[in-house]
């Protein structure tokens, strides 16, 4: 079987169509592009696989520079000994070389490579990625609109503009009065559709209870995600004991082992599954399996992915039972996805069926916009 012959890495400043702010800070604005790393692997037979990952150090520790250096200096030597089908062997060797000392060693870098391996493997096999994973349960995935931290009028307008979406993920930033106003505005405009509140670690337990008491009359609040510091699982357990609303864990659970610890501590009702934090598609699937076996519900999300990451997420989430529509907000927020072949109609994405990820990557544009990377 043909081994991987080369690994190319491109850093691109991807423009946003709309501003998007989390509790931990801005992801991007039309004036401020976000950094995305694209990975291209090529086999000895000329088969190409593409991967992608956004660098967002305000959310997790990896930067565009570290992702690129880790891939070229540490992961490429491993990849050149493998075929695209050797996904588990790649992760085992990567973990030996880059120790997952706390939870998960350089997951964003490994996720980009993992996606590229799946893309190439699917093309070699003549199968879509979801078939490599065991097959899809559905052909389409409804999407959840992402509403960033903003004033009540702006939140209301964004919800109204996103009326095709089946649910709304509303970011809250830790400012009690502002968050009360924003959640209330979202509820008034949502027409009874589910609201998924996401604090991105911006609250203390006592303040969160005050917020939820103040918005208790807002209809259809489904859950609150990661209200406290991701490293403080005991605070998550305390929050869960203090409020009636289901609690979802995100930044506090990168791996299946993280989630197993969360389950043992009764610290969450739901888990947010992201390919980036898990370190790849198969690793994210392991997290989902732990959740399902433990009675936790699944929430699907990404990190404002371009088309490569978005397609990978569709293949993964097509085989999982989700508690809410998937919050994959790249098509909603980015000015360009750098691929052709995605089909999204009225906020419902069609799962690709062509071999690999099922999308055509605009390599010419990626190369023309790539920033120079120096590896010394």
Protein backbone atom coordinates (compact mmCIF):
# COMPACT_ATOMS: atom_id res chain seq x y z
CA UNK A 1 0.00 0.00 0.00
CA UNK A 2 1.29 3.43 -0.95
CA UNK A 3 2.99 5.37 1.84
CA UNK A 4 2.79 9.11 2.44
CA UNK A 5 5.49 10.84 0.38
CA UNK A 6 5.19 14.52 1.33
CA UNK A 7 3.53 16.86 3.82
CA UNK A 8 2.85 20.50 2.96
CA UNK A 9 1.65 23.11 5.44
CA UNK A 10 0.05 26.46 4.58
CA UNK A 11 -0.90 29.26 6.98
CA UNK A 12 -3.74 31.42 5.65
CA UNK A 13 -5.40 34.50 7.15
CA UNK A 14 -9.05 33.63 6.51
CA UNK A 15 -11.43 36.62 6.40
CA UNK A 16 -14.67 36.78 8.36
CA UNK A 17 -17.97 37.96 6.87
CA UNK A 18 -19.33 38.78 10.35
CA UNK A 19 -17.70 39.59 13.66
CA UNK A 20 -17.78 36.82 16.25
CA UNK A 21 -16.91 37.29 19.93
CA UNK A 22 -16.69 34.65 22.70
CA UNK A 23 -16.46 35.10 26.43
CA UNK A 24 -12.69 34.66 26.01
CA UNK A 25 -12.39 37.30 23.26
CA UNK A 26 -12.88 37.89 19.54
CA UNK A 27 -12.50 34.98 17.11
CA UNK A 28 -12.47 37.31 14.12
CA UNK A 29 -14.09 40.29 12.43
CA UNK A 30 -14.31 41.51 8.81
CA UNK A 31 -11.31 43.71 9.65
CA UNK A 32 -9.41 41.01 11.54
CA UNK A 33 -8.85 37.67 9.82
CA UNK A 34 -8.29 34.45 11.71
CA UNK A 35 -5.30 32.14 11.22
CA UNK A 36 -5.98 28.74 9.65
CA UNK A 37 -3.46 26.00 8.95
CA UNK A 38 -4.10 23.81 5.90
CA UNK A 39 -2.27 20.50 5.53
CA UNK A 40 -1.76 18.60 2.28
CA UNK A 41 -0.43 15.05 2.31
CA UNK A 42 0.52 13.27 -0.90
CA UNK A 43 1.12 9.52 -1.26
CA UNK A 44 3.68 7.76 -3.43
CA UNK A 45 0.87 7.10 -5.92
CA UNK A 46 -0.08 10.79 -6.07
CA UNK A 47 -3.23 10.60 -3.94
CA UNK A 48 -3.81 13.86 -2.04
CA UNK A 49 -5.50 14.38 1.31
CA UNK A 50 -6.35 17.72 2.88
CA UNK A 51 -6.66 18.69 6.53
CA UNK A 52 -7.30 21.96 8.30
CA UNK A 53 -7.32 23.57 11.72
CA UNK A 54 -7.95 27.04 13.05
CA UNK A 55 -5.46 28.53 15.50
CA UNK A 56 -7.29 30.23 18.38
CA UNK A 57 -4.89 30.55 21.34
CA UNK A 58 -7.50 32.42 23.39
CA UNK A 59 -9.49 29.16 23.33
CA UNK A 60 -6.66 26.62 23.48
CA UNK A 61 -2.91 26.95 23.69
CA UNK A 62 -1.83 26.18 20.12
CA UNK A 63 -0.92 29.06 17.82
CA UNK A 64 -0.55 29.07 14.04
CA UNK A 65 3.21 28.96 14.53
CA UNK A 66 3.20 26.02 16.92
CA UNK A 67 0.73 24.03 14.81
CA UNK A 68 2.87 24.49 11.72
CA UNK A 69 6.16 23.69 13.48
CA UNK A 70 4.73 20.63 15.25
CA UNK A 71 3.44 19.22 11.96
CA UNK A 72 6.62 19.82 9.98
CA UNK A 73 9.22 19.05 12.64
CA UNK A 74 7.54 16.35 14.71
CA UNK A 75 4.60 14.79 12.83
CA UNK A 76 5.98 14.71 9.29
CA UNK A 77 8.77 12.21 10.17
CA UNK A 78 6.08 9.91 11.59
CA UNK A 79 3.79 10.32 8.58
CA UNK A 80 6.51 9.49 6.04
CA UNK A 81 6.67 5.98 7.51
CA UNK A 82 2.91 5.38 7.25
CA UNK A 83 0.02 5.02 4.81
CA UNK A 84 -3.13 7.15 5.11
CA UNK A 85 -4.91 4.17 6.68
CA UNK A 86 -2.52 4.03 9.66
CA UNK A 87 -4.52 6.51 11.73
CA UNK A 88 -4.27 4.74 15.08
CA UNK A 89 -0.57 4.06 14.59
CA UNK A 90 -0.03 7.73 13.78
CA UNK A 91 -1.73 8.83 17.01
CA UNK A 92 0.18 6.27 19.09
CA UNK A 93 3.53 7.42 17.72
CA UNK A 94 2.56 11.10 17.97
CA UNK A 95 1.69 10.64 21.65
CA UNK A 96 5.09 9.07 22.29
CA UNK A 97 6.87 11.94 20.57
CA UNK A 98 4.68 14.74 21.98
CA UNK A 99 3.56 13.61 25.41
CA UNK A 100 -0.09 14.25 26.32
CA UNK A 101 1.18 15.26 29.76
CA UNK A 102 -1.98 17.03 30.93
CA UNK A 103 -4.72 15.86 28.60
CA UNK A 104 -3.95 15.92 24.88
CA UNK A 105 -0.63 16.79 23.28
CA UNK A 106 -0.99 19.35 20.46
CA UNK A 107 -4.47 18.16 19.45
CA UNK A 108 -5.08 20.89 16.86
CA UNK A 109 -1.93 19.96 14.93
CA UNK A 110 -2.79 16.27 15.10
CA UNK A 111 -6.40 16.95 14.09
CA UNK A 112 -5.30 18.68 10.90
CA UNK A 113 -3.12 15.70 9.98
CA UNK A 114 -5.79 13.18 11.02
CA UNK A 115 -8.36 14.82 8.72
CA UNK A 116 -5.90 14.75 5.81
CA UNK A 117 -5.21 11.05 6.40
CA UNK A 118 -8.93 10.28 6.36
CA UNK A 119 -9.39 12.30 3.17
CA UNK A 120 -6.59 10.43 1.40
CA UNK A 121 -7.69 7.02 2.73
CA UNK A 122 -11.22 7.60 1.49
CA UNK A 123 -9.97 8.55 -1.95
CA UNK A 124 -7.78 5.45 -2.14
CA UNK A 125 -10.69 3.23 -1.06
CA UNK A 126 -13.19 5.06 -3.27
CA UNK A 127 -15.38 5.69 -0.21
CA UNK A 128 -16.58 8.77 1.70
CA UNK A 129 -15.04 9.26 5.12
CA UNK A 130 -18.28 8.40 6.90
CA UNK A 131 -18.18 4.95 5.29
CA UNK A 132 -14.69 4.41 6.72
CA UNK A 133 -16.15 5.20 10.15
CA UNK A 134 -19.00 2.70 9.86
CA UNK A 135 -21.54 4.58 7.78
CA UNK A 136 -23.89 7.50 8.25
CA UNK A 137 -27.25 7.49 10.02
CA UNK A 138 -28.58 10.50 8.09
CA UNK A 139 -28.04 12.31 4.84
CA UNK A 140 -28.52 15.82 6.19
CA UNK A 141 -27.48 17.71 9.33
CA UNK A 142 -29.48 20.73 10.55
CA UNK A 143 -27.29 23.58 11.75
CA UNK A 144 -27.40 25.81 14.82
CA UNK A 145 -26.75 29.55 14.40
CA UNK A 146 -23.87 31.08 16.38
CA UNK A 147 -24.75 34.35 18.14
CA UNK A 148 -21.69 36.10 19.56
CA UNK A 149 -21.37 38.27 22.65
CA UNK A 150 -23.11 41.54 21.77
CA UNK A 151 -25.73 44.07 22.83
CA UNK A 152 -29.41 43.07 23.01
CA UNK A 153 -30.44 44.85 19.83
CA UNK A 154 -27.59 43.29 17.86
CA UNK A 155 -28.39 39.85 19.29
CA UNK A 156 -32.05 40.24 18.38
CA UNK A 157 -31.14 41.23 14.81
CA UNK A 158 -28.72 38.32 14.41
CA UNK A 159 -31.35 35.84 15.57
CA UNK A 160 -33.90 37.32 13.18
CA UNK A 161 -31.41 37.20 10.30
CA UNK A 162 -30.81 33.51 11.09
CA UNK A 163 -34.46 32.49 10.98
CA UNK A 164 -33.71 29.44 8.80
CA UNK A 165 -31.67 27.87 11.60
CA UNK A 166 -33.25 25.26 13.88
CA UNK A 167 -31.56 26.46 17.08
CA UNK A 168 -29.32 29.24 18.43
CA UNK A 169 -26.08 29.02 20.36
CA UNK A 170 -25.89 32.26 22.33
CA UNK A 171 -22.52 33.32 23.68
CA UNK A 172 -22.44 34.93 27.12
CA UNK A 173 -19.39 36.76 28.41
CA UNK A 174 -19.60 36.96 32.20
CA UNK A 175 -21.10 40.48 32.49
CA UNK A 176 -24.30 39.71 34.35
CA UNK A 177 -26.55 42.58 33.24
CA UNK A 178 -25.35 42.44 29.64
CA UNK A 179 -25.84 38.69 29.47
CA UNK A 180 -29.34 38.91 30.95
CA UNK A 181 -30.28 41.47 28.29
CA UNK A 182 -28.74 39.40 25.47
CA UNK A 183 -30.36 36.10 26.47
CA UNK A 184 -33.72 37.80 26.93
CA UNK A 185 -33.44 39.40 23.48
CA UNK A 186 -32.49 36.09 21.91
CA UNK A 187 -35.45 34.37 23.54
CA UNK A 188 -37.85 37.04 22.31
CA UNK A 189 -36.63 36.67 18.72
CA UNK A 190 -36.13 32.89 18.61
CA UNK A 191 -39.80 31.97 18.41
CA UNK A 192 -39.50 29.05 20.82
CA UNK A 193 -36.52 27.42 19.08
CA UNK A 194 -33.89 25.97 21.44
CA UNK A 195 -31.30 28.28 22.98
CA UNK A 196 -27.90 26.82 23.83
CA UNK A 197 -26.02 29.17 26.18
CA UNK A 198 -22.23 29.09 26.00
CA UNK A 199 -20.19 30.92 28.65
CA UNK A 200 -16.71 29.86 27.46
CA UNK A 201 -15.48 29.67 31.09
CA UNK A 202 -16.55 33.24 31.94
CA UNK A 203 -18.64 32.66 35.10
CA UNK A 204 -18.34 31.76 38.76
CA UNK A 205 -20.99 29.36 40.11
CA UNK A 206 -22.79 31.97 42.24
CA UNK A 207 -22.95 34.51 39.40
CA UNK A 208 -24.22 31.86 37.00
CA UNK A 209 -27.10 31.05 39.34
CA UNK A 210 -28.04 34.73 39.42
CA UNK A 211 -28.01 34.85 35.62
CA UNK A 212 -30.18 31.78 35.25
CA UNK A 213 -32.63 33.00 37.88
CA UNK A 214 -32.98 36.26 35.95
CA UNK A 215 -33.69 34.50 32.63
CA UNK A 216 -35.84 31.70 34.04
CA UNK A 217 -38.88 32.92 32.06
CA UNK A 218 -37.02 32.87 28.73
CA UNK A 219 -38.47 29.90 26.81
CA UNK A 220 -36.56 26.90 25.44
CA UNK A 221 -33.16 27.35 27.12
CA UNK A 222 -31.79 23.87 26.57
CA UNK A 223 -28.48 23.93 28.47
CA UNK A 224 -25.52 26.04 29.57
CA UNK A 225 -22.07 25.13 28.26
CA UNK A 226 -18.76 25.36 30.13
CA UNK A 227 -19.74 28.12 32.58
CA UNK A 228 -16.56 27.82 34.67
CA UNK A 229 -12.84 27.30 34.11
CA UNK A 230 -12.19 24.23 31.99
CA UNK A 231 -9.53 22.95 34.39
CA UNK A 232 -11.95 23.05 37.35
CA UNK A 233 -14.11 19.94 37.03
CA UNK A 234 -15.13 20.23 40.69
CA UNK A 235 -16.60 23.66 39.99
CA UNK A 236 -18.55 22.10 37.12
CA UNK A 237 -19.93 19.54 39.56
CA UNK A 238 -20.86 22.32 41.98
CA UNK A 239 -22.64 24.25 39.23
CA UNK A 240 -24.57 21.14 38.27
CA UNK A 241 -25.76 20.74 41.86
CA UNK A 242 -26.80 24.40 42.10
CA UNK A 243 -28.95 24.82 38.99
CA UNK A 244 -31.81 23.00 37.30
CA UNK A 245 -30.55 23.55 33.75
CA UNK A 246 -28.47 20.78 32.12
CA UNK A 247 -24.73 21.53 32.06
CA UNK A 248 -22.50 20.80 29.05
CA UNK A 249 -18.73 20.41 29.24
CA UNK A 250 -16.48 21.63 26.42
CA UNK A 251 -13.08 23.16 27.27
CA UNK A 252 -12.96 20.87 30.30
CA UNK A 253 -13.08 17.69 28.20
CA UNK A 254 -10.67 17.28 25.29
CA UNK A 255 -10.30 13.50 25.27
CA UNK A 256 -12.29 10.36 26.02
CA UNK A 257 -10.26 10.01 29.23
CA UNK A 258 -11.18 13.56 30.25
CA UNK A 259 -14.82 12.72 29.75
CA UNK A 260 -14.53 9.49 31.74
CA UNK A 261 -13.20 11.54 34.67
CA UNK A 262 -16.05 14.03 34.23
CA UNK A 263 -18.57 11.19 34.31
CA UNK A 264 -17.01 9.73 37.46
CA UNK A 265 -17.39 13.12 39.16
CA UNK A 266 -21.00 13.65 37.95
CA UNK A 267 -19.89 16.99 36.53
CA UNK A 268 -21.90 17.23 33.30
CA UNK A 269 -25.10 16.23 31.54
CA UNK A 270 -23.86 16.77 27.99
CA UNK A 271 -20.50 16.90 26.22
CA UNK A 272 -19.50 19.07 23.27
CA UNK A 273 -17.69 16.98 20.66
CA UNK A 274 -15.11 18.84 18.53
CA UNK A 275 -12.64 17.25 16.14
CA UNK A 276 -10.01 19.89 16.92
CA UNK A 277 -9.76 19.36 20.66
CA UNK A 278 -9.98 15.58 20.41
CA UNK A 279 -7.02 15.48 18.04
CA UNK A 280 -8.90 14.07 15.06
CA UNK A 281 -11.97 12.30 13.74
CA UNK A 282 -11.39 8.89 15.34
CA UNK A 283 -10.41 10.46 18.65
CA UNK A 284 -13.60 12.53 18.66
CA UNK A 285 -15.59 9.38 17.96
CA UNK A 286 -14.03 7.76 21.04
CA UNK A 287 -15.26 10.68 23.17
CA UNK A 288 -18.74 10.26 21.72
CA UNK A 289 -18.69 6.55 22.53
CA UNK A 290 -17.74 7.22 26.17
CA UNK A 291 -20.56 9.76 26.40
CA UNK A 292 -23.13 7.39 24.92
CA UNK A 293 -22.06 4.54 27.18
CA UNK A 294 -22.28 6.85 30.21
CA UNK A 295 -25.69 8.35 29.46
CA UNK A 296 -24.47 11.82 28.47
CA UNK A 297 -26.01 13.56 25.49
CA UNK A 298 -23.92 14.84 22.59
CA UNK A 299 -23.57 18.36 21.26
CA UNK A 300 -21.79 18.90 17.94
CA UNK A 301 -19.50 21.86 17.38
CA UNK A 302 -16.41 23.12 15.57
CA UNK A 303 -14.14 26.14 15.77
CA UNK A 304 -15.38 28.27 12.87
CA UNK A 305 -13.95 25.79 10.39
CA UNK A 306 -13.35 26.38 6.71
CA UNK A 307 -14.71 23.85 4.22
CA UNK A 308 -12.20 21.07 4.91
CA UNK A 309 -12.87 21.03 8.66
CA UNK A 310 -16.59 21.56 8.10
CA UNK A 311 -16.79 18.56 5.76
CA UNK A 312 -14.88 16.40 8.23
CA UNK A 313 -17.36 17.35 10.96
CA UNK A 314 -20.31 16.42 8.72
CA UNK A 315 -18.88 12.94 8.19
CA UNK A 316 -18.39 12.47 11.94
CA UNK A 317 -21.70 13.86 13.12
CA UNK A 318 -23.70 12.02 10.43
CA UNK A 319 -23.31 8.86 12.51
CA UNK A 320 -24.06 10.30 15.96
CA UNK A 321 -27.32 11.06 17.77
CA UNK A 322 -27.19 14.75 18.65
CA UNK A 323 -29.17 16.58 21.33
CA UNK A 324 -29.39 19.77 19.22
CA UNK A 325 -28.58 20.88 15.67
CA UNK A 326 -24.83 21.05 15.01
CA UNK A 327 -23.09 24.33 15.75
CA UNK A 328 -20.74 24.32 12.76
CA UNK A 329 -20.58 28.02 12.07
CA UNK A 330 -17.93 28.38 9.37
CA UNK A 331 -20.45 28.78 6.51
CA UNK A 332 -22.36 31.36 8.58
CA UNK A 333 -19.41 33.48 9.69
CA UNK A 334 -16.58 33.17 7.17
CA UNK A 335 -16.23 35.09 3.92
CA UNK A 336 -14.94 31.99 2.08
CA UNK A 337 -14.62 28.27 2.80
CA UNK A 338 -11.82 27.50 0.28
CA UNK A 339 -13.64 24.44 -1.10
CA UNK A 340 -16.27 23.50 -3.67
CA UNK A 341 -18.78 20.70 -3.26
CA UNK A 342 -20.62 21.57 -0.07
CA UNK A 343 -24.42 21.74 -0.22
CA UNK A 344 -26.22 23.83 2.42
CA UNK A 345 -29.88 24.72 1.94
CA UNK A 346 -31.86 26.72 4.51
CA UNK A 347 -29.32 25.96 7.24
CA UNK A 348 -29.32 22.22 6.53
CA UNK A 349 -26.03 20.69 5.33
CA UNK A 350 -25.92 17.64 3.08
CA UNK A 351 -23.37 15.02 4.09
CA UNK A 352 -20.86 14.61 1.20
CA UNK A 353 -20.85 11.23 -0.56
CA UNK A 354 -17.86 11.53 -2.90
CA UNK A 355 -14.65 9.69 -1.92
CA UNK A 356 -12.69 11.13 1.00
CA UNK A 357 -14.07 14.33 2.46
CA UNK A 358 -16.07 14.81 -0.73
CA UNK A 359 -14.99 18.39 -1.41
CA UNK A 360 -12.64 20.01 -3.91
CA UNK A 361 -10.04 22.20 -2.22
CA UNK A 362 -9.06 25.50 -3.82
CA UNK A 363 -5.34 24.79 -3.65
CA UNK A 364 -4.44 27.66 -5.96
CA UNK A 365 -6.07 30.19 -3.65
CA UNK A 366 -4.57 28.62 -0.53
CA UNK A 367 -1.08 28.77 -2.06
CA UNK A 368 -1.56 32.34 -3.27
CA UNK A 369 -2.73 33.55 0.16
CA UNK A 370 -0.37 31.46 2.29
CA UNK A 371 1.92 33.33 4.62
CA UNK A 372 5.59 32.42 4.65
CA UNK A 373 6.50 29.81 7.22
CA UNK A 374 10.12 29.45 8.32
CA UNK A 375 11.23 26.23 10.02
CA UNK A 376 14.65 26.45 11.64
